[in-house]
Amino acid sequence: MLQLSRYVEQVEHWPEAGRHILAQFDDDRFVVYQAYGPNIAEFALEHQRFGGEFSFQRMTWIKPNFLWMMYRSGWATKTGQERVLAVILKRQFFDQVLSQAVHTTFEPELYASPEDHRQALEESPVRLQWDPDHDPDGRPVARRAIQLGIKGEIVRQYASEAIKGIEDMTELVSAQRAIVERRDWSLLTIPSEAMYRPDDAKIAERIRLDDR
């Protein structure tokens, strides 16, 4: 089961700005979120892997930050995103994904030229975006949140062998959405998240993760 805690208690310990991975993790596990329609979600929960109507041909985007997932799914109100899943991955697999990530936009500190960047995008199965994080009400904040697009063999690994478990977060999301609509932050309860930094310093440098 995922660990939950009050939003107001967590936000005091989160950085206000910079590129950071906020996530729930331990020595072996790393949690990401996805939102799907009922058919894909039910298959995943029953089989504890992805299949059925899940597409292995398209790029799929995973998000470690719960509130970023809530912003993108409208707290599970958008069509095709009515069911929110917590996908518990092997931490080693998540670091493997990070190690292959290429920024969707050109980063002159990492690539010699736009042409080198385009070639890296073509060769890598992982896309990385640093987007503005959002508060529970959907307003952007200065801090950046990571999302990762995966395709090809990485998707096939993600869908089955990399998974340690899948949990349905939809009931929690629905209950907390009502609290968000009342703007009663003192009662808002979400998955506990802390700053994550991969053990390999080269990976942190590659994705341009800030220290603090």
C-alpha atoms as a PDB file:
ATOM      1  CA  MET A   1       0.000   0.000   0.000  1.00  0.00           C
ATOM      2  CA  LEU A   2       1.179   3.505  -0.784  1.00  0.00           C
ATOM      3  CA  GLN A   3       2.023   5.813   2.090  1.00  0.00           C
ATOM      4  CA  LEU A   4      -0.275   8.845   2.403  1.00  0.00           C
ATOM      5  CA  SER A   5       0.093  12.123   4.289  1.00  0.00           C
ATOM      6  CA  ARG A   6      -1.372  15.620   4.414  1.00  0.00           C
ATOM      7  CA  TYR A   7      -0.440  17.972   1.579  1.00  0.00           C
ATOM      8  CA  VAL A   8       0.209  20.923   3.916  1.00  0.00           C
ATOM      9  CA  GLU A   9       2.776  18.864   5.832  1.00  0.00           C
ATOM     10  CA  GLN A  10       4.566  17.746   2.682  1.00  0.00           C
ATOM     11  CA  VAL A  11       4.734  21.040   0.828  1.00  0.00           C
ATOM     12  CA  GLU A  12       6.792  22.564   3.655  1.00  0.00           C
ATOM     13  CA  HIS A  13       9.630  20.180   2.749  1.00  0.00           C
ATOM     14  CA  TRP A  14       9.449  20.469  -1.036  1.00  0.00           C
ATOM     15  CA  PRO A  15      11.725  22.855  -2.939  1.00  0.00           C
ATOM     16  CA  GLU A  16       9.918  25.918  -4.249  1.00  0.00           C
ATOM     17  CA  ALA A  17      11.830  26.070  -7.543  1.00  0.00           C
ATOM     18  CA  GLY A  18      14.236  24.083  -9.695  1.00  0.00           C
ATOM     19  CA  ARG A  19      14.179  20.742 -11.480  1.00  0.00           C
ATOM     20  CA  HIS A  20      13.322  18.026  -8.975  1.00  0.00           C
ATOM     21  CA  ILE A  21      11.836  14.544  -8.990  1.00  0.00           C
ATOM     22  CA  LEU A  22       9.188  14.340  -6.284  1.00  0.00           C
ATOM     23  CA  ALA A  23       8.165  10.726  -5.811  1.00  0.00           C
ATOM     24  CA  GLN A  24       7.393   7.887  -3.441  1.00  0.00           C
ATOM     25  CA  PHE A  25      10.204   5.332  -3.358  1.00  0.00           C
ATOM     26  CA  ASP A  26      12.332   3.065  -1.201  1.00  0.00           C
ATOM     27  CA  ASP A  27      15.455   0.984  -1.788  1.00  0.00           C
ATOM     28  CA  ASP A  28      13.670  -1.372  -4.190  1.00  0.00           C
ATOM     29  CA  ARG A  29      10.534   0.412  -5.428  1.00  0.00           C
ATOM     30  CA  PHE A  30       9.659   3.567  -7.332  1.00  0.00           C
ATOM     31  CA  VAL A  31       6.084   4.750  -7.922  1.00  0.00           C
ATOM     32  CA  VAL A  32       4.772   6.406 -11.099  1.00  0.00           C
ATOM     33  CA  TYR A  33       1.226   7.336 -12.095  1.00  0.00           C
ATOM     34  CA  GLN A  34      -0.874   6.929 -15.200  1.00  0.00           C
ATOM     35  CA  ALA A  35      -4.539   7.662 -15.926  1.00  0.00           C
ATOM     36  CA  TYR A  36      -6.631   5.510 -18.268  1.00  0.00           C
ATOM     37  CA  GLY A  37     -10.174   4.635 -19.199  1.00  0.00           C
ATOM     38  CA  PRO A  38     -11.918   1.745 -17.410  1.00  0.00           C
ATOM     39  CA  ASN A  39     -10.948  -1.059 -19.817  1.00  0.00           C
ATOM     40  CA  ILE A  40      -7.190  -0.570 -19.634  1.00  0.00           C
ATOM     41  CA  ALA A  41      -7.324   0.091 -15.900  1.00  0.00           C
ATOM     42  CA  GLU A  42      -9.380  -3.009 -15.093  1.00  0.00           C
ATOM     43  CA  PHE A  43      -7.079  -5.260 -17.122  1.00  0.00           C
ATOM     44  CA  ALA A  44      -4.003  -3.816 -15.400  1.00  0.00           C
ATOM     45  CA  LEU A  45      -5.457  -4.232 -11.930  1.00  0.00           C
ATOM     46  CA  GLU A  46      -6.665  -7.777 -12.540  1.00  0.00           C
ATOM     47  CA  HIS A  47      -3.468  -9.030 -14.177  1.00  0.00           C
ATOM     48  CA  GLN A  48      -0.977  -6.698 -12.430  1.00  0.00           C
ATOM     49  CA  ARG A  49       0.500  -5.833 -15.786  1.00  0.00           C
ATOM     50  CA  PHE A  50      -0.565  -3.906 -18.875  1.00  0.00           C
ATOM     51  CA  GLY A  51      -2.252  -5.561 -21.836  1.00  0.00           C
ATOM     52  CA  GLY A  52      -5.633  -5.786 -23.499  1.00  0.00           C
ATOM     53  CA  GLU A  53      -6.366  -2.381 -25.058  1.00  0.00           C
ATOM     54  CA  PHE A  54      -3.043  -0.941 -23.860  1.00  0.00           C
ATOM     55  CA  SER A  55      -1.019   0.145 -26.916  1.00  0.00           C
ATOM     56  CA  PHE A  56       2.534  -1.139 -27.220  1.00  0.00           C
ATOM     57  CA  GLN A  57       3.051   0.817 -30.452  1.00  0.00           C
ATOM     58  CA  ARG A  58       2.498   4.313 -29.034  1.00  0.00           C
ATOM     59  CA  MET A  59       4.699   6.277 -26.661  1.00  0.00           C
ATOM     60  CA  THR A  60       3.277   6.222 -23.131  1.00  0.00           C
ATOM     61  CA  TRP A  61       4.040   8.901 -20.540  1.00  0.00           C
ATOM     62  CA  ILE A  62       4.749   8.141 -16.890  1.00  0.00           C
ATOM     63  CA  LYS A  63       4.718  10.688 -14.076  1.00  0.00           C
ATOM     64  CA  PRO A  64       6.270  10.231 -10.599  1.00  0.00           C
ATOM     65  CA  ASN A  65       4.556  13.321  -9.176  1.00  0.00           C
ATOM     66  CA  PHE A  66       0.972  12.715  -7.999  1.00  0.00           C
ATOM     67  CA  LEU A  67      -0.180  16.341  -8.248  1.00  0.00           C
ATOM     68  CA  TRP A  68       1.241  16.604 -11.760  1.00  0.00           C
ATOM     69  CA  MET A  69      -0.906  13.585 -12.682  1.00  0.00           C
ATOM     70  CA  MET A  70      -3.903  15.270 -11.058  1.00  0.00           C
ATOM     71  CA  TYR A  71      -3.312  18.398 -13.116  1.00  0.00           C
ATOM     72  CA  ARG A  72      -3.075  16.456 -16.384  1.00  0.00           C
ATOM     73  CA  SER A  73      -6.111  14.270 -15.679  1.00  0.00           C
ATOM     74  CA  GLY A  74      -8.244  17.000 -14.105  1.00  0.00           C
ATOM     75  CA  TRP A  75      -8.398  14.919 -10.938  1.00  0.00           C
ATOM     76  CA  ALA A  76      -9.643  11.959 -13.030  1.00  0.00           C
ATOM     77  CA  THR A  77     -12.406  13.915 -14.798  1.00  0.00           C
ATOM     78  CA  LYS A  78     -11.018  13.972 -18.353  1.00  0.00           C
ATOM     79  CA  THR A  79     -12.282  11.467 -20.906  1.00  0.00           C
ATOM     80  CA  GLY A  80     -10.062   8.403 -21.043  1.00  0.00           C
ATOM     81  CA  GLN A  81      -8.373   9.364 -17.768  1.00  0.00           C
ATOM     82  CA  GLU A  82     -11.128   8.454 -15.319  1.00  0.00           C
ATOM     83  CA  ARG A  83      -9.048   5.793 -13.558  1.00  0.00           C
ATOM     84  CA  VAL A  84      -5.770   6.699 -11.893  1.00  0.00           C
ATOM     85  CA  LEU A  85      -3.234   3.930 -11.341  1.00  0.00           C
ATOM     86  CA  ALA A  86      -0.150   3.878  -9.164  1.00  0.00           C
ATOM     87  CA  VAL A  87       2.392   1.676 -10.939  1.00  0.00           C
ATOM     88  CA  ILE A  88       5.018   0.399  -8.524  1.00  0.00           C
ATOM     89  CA  LEU A  89       8.202  -0.224 -10.467  1.00  0.00           C
ATOM     90  CA  LYS A  90      11.537  -1.770  -9.693  1.00  0.00           C
ATOM     91  CA  ARG A  91      13.698   1.203  -8.742  1.00  0.00           C
ATOM     92  CA  GLN A  92      16.536  -0.150 -10.873  1.00  0.00           C
ATOM     93  CA  PHE A  93      14.255  -0.048 -13.902  1.00  0.00           C
ATOM     94  CA  PHE A  94      13.297   3.575 -13.280  1.00  0.00           C
ATOM     95  CA  ASP A  95      16.971   4.550 -13.115  1.00  0.00           C
ATOM     96  CA  GLN A  96      17.493   2.639 -16.362  1.00  0.00           C
ATOM     97  CA  VAL A  97      14.767   4.752 -17.960  1.00  0.00           C
ATOM     98  CA  LEU A  98      16.393   7.951 -16.665  1.00  0.00           C
ATOM     99  CA  SER A  99      19.770   6.869 -18.020  1.00  0.00           C
ATOM    100  CA  GLN A 100      18.361   6.712 -21.567  1.00  0.00           C
ATOM    101  CA  ALA A 101      16.262   9.882 -21.396  1.00  0.00           C
ATOM    102  CA  VAL A 102      16.703  12.610 -23.991  1.00  0.00           C
ATOM    103  CA  HIS A 103      15.202  16.047 -23.446  1.00  0.00           C
ATOM    104  CA  THR A 104      12.414  16.908 -25.862  1.00  0.00           C
ATOM    105  CA  THR A 105      13.888  20.400 -26.252  1.00  0.00           C
ATOM    106  CA  PHE A 106      17.444  21.249 -27.236  1.00  0.00           C
ATOM    107  CA  GLU A 107      19.760  21.703 -24.242  1.00  0.00           C
ATOM    108  CA  PRO A 108      23.017  23.405 -25.370  1.00  0.00           C
ATOM    109  CA  GLU A 109      24.749  22.257 -22.177  1.00  0.00           C
ATOM    110  CA  LEU A 110      24.227  18.624 -23.229  1.00  0.00           C
ATOM    111  CA  TYR A 111      24.262  18.578 -27.025  1.00  0.00           C
ATOM    112  CA  ALA A 112      26.832  20.077 -29.343  1.00  0.00           C
ATOM    113  CA  SER A 113      24.221  21.216 -31.868  1.00  0.00           C
ATOM    114  CA  PRO A 114      20.507  20.948 -32.657  1.00  0.00           C
ATOM    115  CA  GLU A 115      21.426  18.258 -35.176  1.00  0.00           C
ATOM    116  CA  ASP A 116      23.129  16.177 -32.471  1.00  0.00           C
ATOM    117  CA  HIS A 117      20.041  16.594 -30.319  1.00  0.00           C
ATOM    118  CA  ARG A 118      17.723  15.438 -33.118  1.00  0.00           C
ATOM    119  CA  GLN A 119      19.895  12.367 -33.665  1.00  0.00           C
ATOM    120  CA  ALA A 120      19.798  11.570 -29.946  1.00  0.00           C
ATOM    121  CA  LEU A 121      15.998  11.833 -30.001  1.00  0.00           C
ATOM    122  CA  GLU A 122      15.799   9.416 -32.919  1.00  0.00           C
ATOM    123  CA  GLU A 123      18.053   6.867 -31.225  1.00  0.00           C
ATOM    124  CA  SER A 124      16.598   6.941 -27.715  1.00  0.00           C
ATOM    125  CA  PRO A 125      13.402   5.141 -26.568  1.00  0.00           C
ATOM    126  CA  VAL A 126      12.892   7.679 -23.751  1.00  0.00           C
ATOM    127  CA  ARG A 127      11.755  11.318 -23.885  1.00  0.00           C
ATOM    128  CA  LEU A 128      12.136  13.669 -20.941  1.00  0.00           C
ATOM    129  CA  GLN A 129      10.190  16.837 -20.232  1.00  0.00           C
ATOM    130  CA  TRP A 130      10.584  19.291 -17.378  1.00  0.00           C
ATOM    131  CA  ASP A 131       7.231  21.044 -17.088  1.00  0.00           C
ATOM    132  CA  PRO A 132       5.907  23.510 -14.507  1.00  0.00           C
ATOM    133  CA  ASP A 133       4.648  21.660 -11.464  1.00  0.00           C
ATOM    134  CA  HIS A 134       1.183  22.613 -10.213  1.00  0.00           C
ATOM    135  CA  ASP A 135      -0.521  23.092  -6.883  1.00  0.00           C
ATOM    136  CA  PRO A 136      -3.684  21.092  -6.059  1.00  0.00           C
ATOM    137  CA  ASP A 137      -5.839  23.802  -7.628  1.00  0.00           C
ATOM    138  CA  GLY A 138      -4.013  23.446 -10.947  1.00  0.00           C
ATOM    139  CA  ARG A 139      -2.002  26.648 -10.739  1.00  0.00           C
ATOM    140  CA  PRO A 140       1.616  26.467 -11.976  1.00  0.00           C
ATOM    141  CA  VAL A 141       4.465  26.876  -9.504  1.00  0.00           C
ATOM    142  CA  ALA A 142       8.141  27.710 -10.054  1.00  0.00           C
ATOM    143  CA  ARG A 143       9.274  24.126  -9.404  1.00  0.00           C
ATOM    144  CA  ARG A 144       9.624  21.830 -12.424  1.00  0.00           C
ATOM    145  CA  ALA A 145       8.139  18.322 -12.564  1.00  0.00           C
ATOM    146  CA  ILE A 146       9.458  15.472 -14.690  1.00  0.00           C
ATOM    147  CA  GLN A 147       7.488  13.291 -17.052  1.00  0.00           C
ATOM    148  CA  LEU A 148       8.983  10.532 -19.176  1.00  0.00           C
ATOM    149  CA  GLY A 149       7.759   9.207 -22.511  1.00  0.00           C
ATOM    150  CA  ILE A 150       8.764   5.623 -23.254  1.00  0.00           C
ATOM    151  CA  LYS A 151       8.441   3.476 -26.350  1.00  0.00           C
ATOM    152  CA  GLY A 152       9.664   0.288 -27.965  1.00  0.00           C
ATOM    153  CA  GLU A 153      11.379  -2.306 -25.799  1.00  0.00           C
ATOM    154  CA  ILE A 154      11.248  -0.025 -22.759  1.00  0.00           C
ATOM    155  CA  VAL A 155       7.433  -0.022 -22.951  1.00  0.00           C
ATOM    156  CA  ARG A 156       7.375  -3.817 -23.150  1.00  0.00           C
ATOM    157  CA  GLN A 157       9.563  -4.041 -20.040  1.00  0.00           C
ATOM    158  CA  TYR A 158       7.490  -1.399 -18.264  1.00  0.00           C
ATOM    159  CA  ALA A 159       4.224  -3.186 -18.987  1.00  0.00           C
ATOM    160  CA  SER A 160       5.182  -6.442 -17.292  1.00  0.00           C
ATOM    161  CA  GLU A 161       8.582  -7.446 -15.920  1.00  0.00           C
ATOM    162  CA  ALA A 162       9.422  -4.042 -14.389  1.00  0.00           C
ATOM    163  CA  ILE A 163       6.200  -3.946 -12.342  1.00  0.00           C
ATOM    164  CA  LYS A 164       6.133  -4.899  -8.658  1.00  0.00           C
ATOM    165  CA  GLY A 165       2.471  -3.982  -8.279  1.00  0.00           C
ATOM    166  CA  ILE A 166      -0.390  -1.788  -9.519  1.00  0.00           C
ATOM    167  CA  GLU A 167      -2.813   0.012  -7.200  1.00  0.00           C
ATOM    168  CA  ASP A 168      -6.091   1.762  -8.013  1.00  0.00           C
ATOM    169  CA  MET A 169      -5.985   5.358  -6.778  1.00  0.00           C
ATOM    170  CA  THR A 170      -9.355   6.371  -8.227  1.00  0.00           C
ATOM    171  CA  GLU A 171     -11.348   6.249  -4.992  1.00  0.00           C
ATOM    172  CA  LEU A 172      -8.742   8.372  -3.206  1.00  0.00           C
ATOM    173  CA  VAL A 173      -8.661  10.816  -6.113  1.00  0.00           C
ATOM    174  CA  SER A 174     -12.432  11.199  -6.068  1.00  0.00           C
ATOM    175  CA  ALA A 175     -12.513  11.874  -2.333  1.00  0.00           C
ATOM    176  CA  GLN A 176      -9.657  14.364  -2.505  1.00  0.00           C
ATOM    177  CA  ARG A 177     -11.159  16.115  -5.531  1.00  0.00           C
ATOM    178  CA  ALA A 178     -14.113  17.119  -3.354  1.00  0.00           C
ATOM    179  CA  ILE A 179     -11.677  18.605  -0.836  1.00  0.00           C
ATOM    180  CA  VAL A 180      -9.836  20.463  -3.603  1.00  0.00           C
ATOM    181  CA  GLU A 181     -13.122  21.931  -4.830  1.00  0.00           C
ATOM    182  CA  ARG A 182     -13.708  23.279  -1.311  1.00  0.00           C
ATOM    183  CA  ARG A 183     -10.093  24.526  -1.236  1.00  0.00           C
ATOM    184  CA  ASP A 184      -9.593  23.012   2.191  1.00  0.00           C
ATOM    185  CA  TRP A 185      -5.874  22.274   1.920  1.00  0.00           C
ATOM    186  CA  SER A 186      -5.621  21.296   5.597  1.00  0.00           C
ATOM    187  CA  LEU A 187      -7.599  18.109   4.871  1.00  0.00           C
ATOM    188  CA  LEU A 188      -6.027  17.237   1.524  1.00  0.00           C
ATOM    189  CA  THR A 189      -4.296  13.838   1.706  1.00  0.00           C
ATOM    190  CA  ILE A 190      -2.063  12.589  -1.095  1.00  0.00           C
ATOM    191  CA  PRO A 191       0.729  10.018  -1.543  1.00  0.00           C
ATOM    192  CA  SER A 192       3.821  10.919   0.469  1.00  0.00           C
ATOM    193  CA  GLU A 193       6.598  12.192  -1.789  1.00  0.00           C
ATOM    194  CA  ALA A 194      10.200  13.243  -1.268  1.00  0.00           C
ATOM    195  CA  MET A 195      12.997  14.465  -3.515  1.00  0.00           C
ATOM    196  CA  TYR A 196      14.515  11.597  -5.471  1.00  0.00           C
ATOM    197  CA  ARG A 197      18.062  11.530  -6.742  1.00  0.00           C
ATOM    198  CA  PRO A 198      19.488   8.511  -8.587  1.00  0.00           C
ATOM    199  CA  ASP A 199      22.592   6.952  -7.054  1.00  0.00           C
ATOM    200  CA  ASP A 200      24.513   7.448 -10.297  1.00  0.00           C
ATOM    201  CA  ALA A 201      25.666  11.078 -10.408  1.00  0.00           C
ATOM    202  CA  LYS A 202      26.044  10.870 -14.189  1.00  0.00           C
ATOM    203  CA  ILE A 203      22.314  10.217 -14.552  1.00  0.00           C
ATOM    204  CA  ALA A 204      21.473  13.230 -12.390  1.00  0.00           C
ATOM    205  CA  GLU A 205      23.778  15.358 -14.539  1.00  0.00           C
ATOM    206  CA  ARG A 206      22.323  13.943 -17.770  1.00  0.00           C
ATOM    207  CA  ILE A 207      18.760  14.894 -16.859  1.00  0.00           C
ATOM    208  CA  ARG A 208      19.916  18.242 -15.381  1.00  0.00           C
ATOM    209  CA  LEU A 209      18.554  17.549 -11.932  1.00  0.00           C
ATOM    210  CA  ASP A 210      19.068  20.403  -9.474  1.00  0.00           C
ATOM    211  CA  ASP A 211      20.818  19.762  -6.152  1.00  0.00           C
ATOM    212  CA  ARG A 212      18.328  21.692  -3.998  1.00  0.00           C
END
